[in-house]
Amino acid sequence: MKRYIAALFILFTLASRACAAEPAAKDPNQLFYSANRSYGAGDYKKALEEYLMVLDTGVENGRLHYNIGNGFFKLGKIGYAILCYERARRLIPQDGDLKSNLAYAKTMAGTSYPDDSAIRRLTGYIKAPFLDMNLNALANLTLALYLIIMVVLAIFIFNRIIARKGILLFIVLTAIFLVALSAVSVRYYDEEILRHGIIIEKDVECKYEPIDKSTTYYKLHEGDEVTVLTTREGWRRIKRPDGKLAWIKKEAVEII
């Protein structure tokens, strides 16, 4: 009896250790460097698979999305490439290579539908001075300007002579702060509230209703950008940049 008990104890211990043991997680850095080597060797499919494995580990940065975009581009997936470039642009908007590749990919994608509304032009002017800054950097700049203005204002309160001489500086700082604050608000709404998407299929029929038999309103093409308004039963309600609304299949568009 004692031998059976001892055997059961040994089996229980081994089973517990087997259950507790987990396969060693792959190092994201090693995967990233391996993907770079595969890309350099021209094995773009393997490189893309490894970059996506890095993404699956929870690592997310602009350079990774940029490299994934390059992998899709090399494999002829222009829609996915633009999607990844746009994701990278939100994190590293100042990157020159990213700007060039995104512009080239959009050129290859074909016709887009620009929004020439007055509001869109105005918000574009507000964002223009800060296009090379991501949202976090812009928010930090705005906070720093606010703190500087508060310090300057405190100095002015206690020293009228400095206040008279430095009033122009105060006005300039306040103007820059207000522009930066407006840019933060516009960028936050555009990037965090609105749901922008990229068409990832070649030709997409945009319908009046979320029904297969519904009449086609217009067509979108791979790489086109839309705003996703809502999702319902395998369909997405989208708005083209020129304001035209339609329904498309859910799998035809990916959210940036």
Foldseek 3Di string as FASTA:
>chain_A
DVVVVVVVVVVVVVVVVVVPDDPDDDDLVVLQVVLVVCVVVVVLVSSLVSLVSSVVVVDDALVSLQSNLVSCVSVVQLLSSLVSLVVSCLHQVQDPVSVVVNVVSLVVQDDADAAPDPVVVVLCVLQVVPSRPHLVRLVVVLVVLVVVLVVVVVVCVVDVVVCVVCVVVSVVSVVVSVSSVSNSVSNCCVPPVWWKKFFRAAKWFFFADPDPPGDGPDIDGRGYMWTFDDDDDQKTWTAGNHGDITITGPVRIDTD
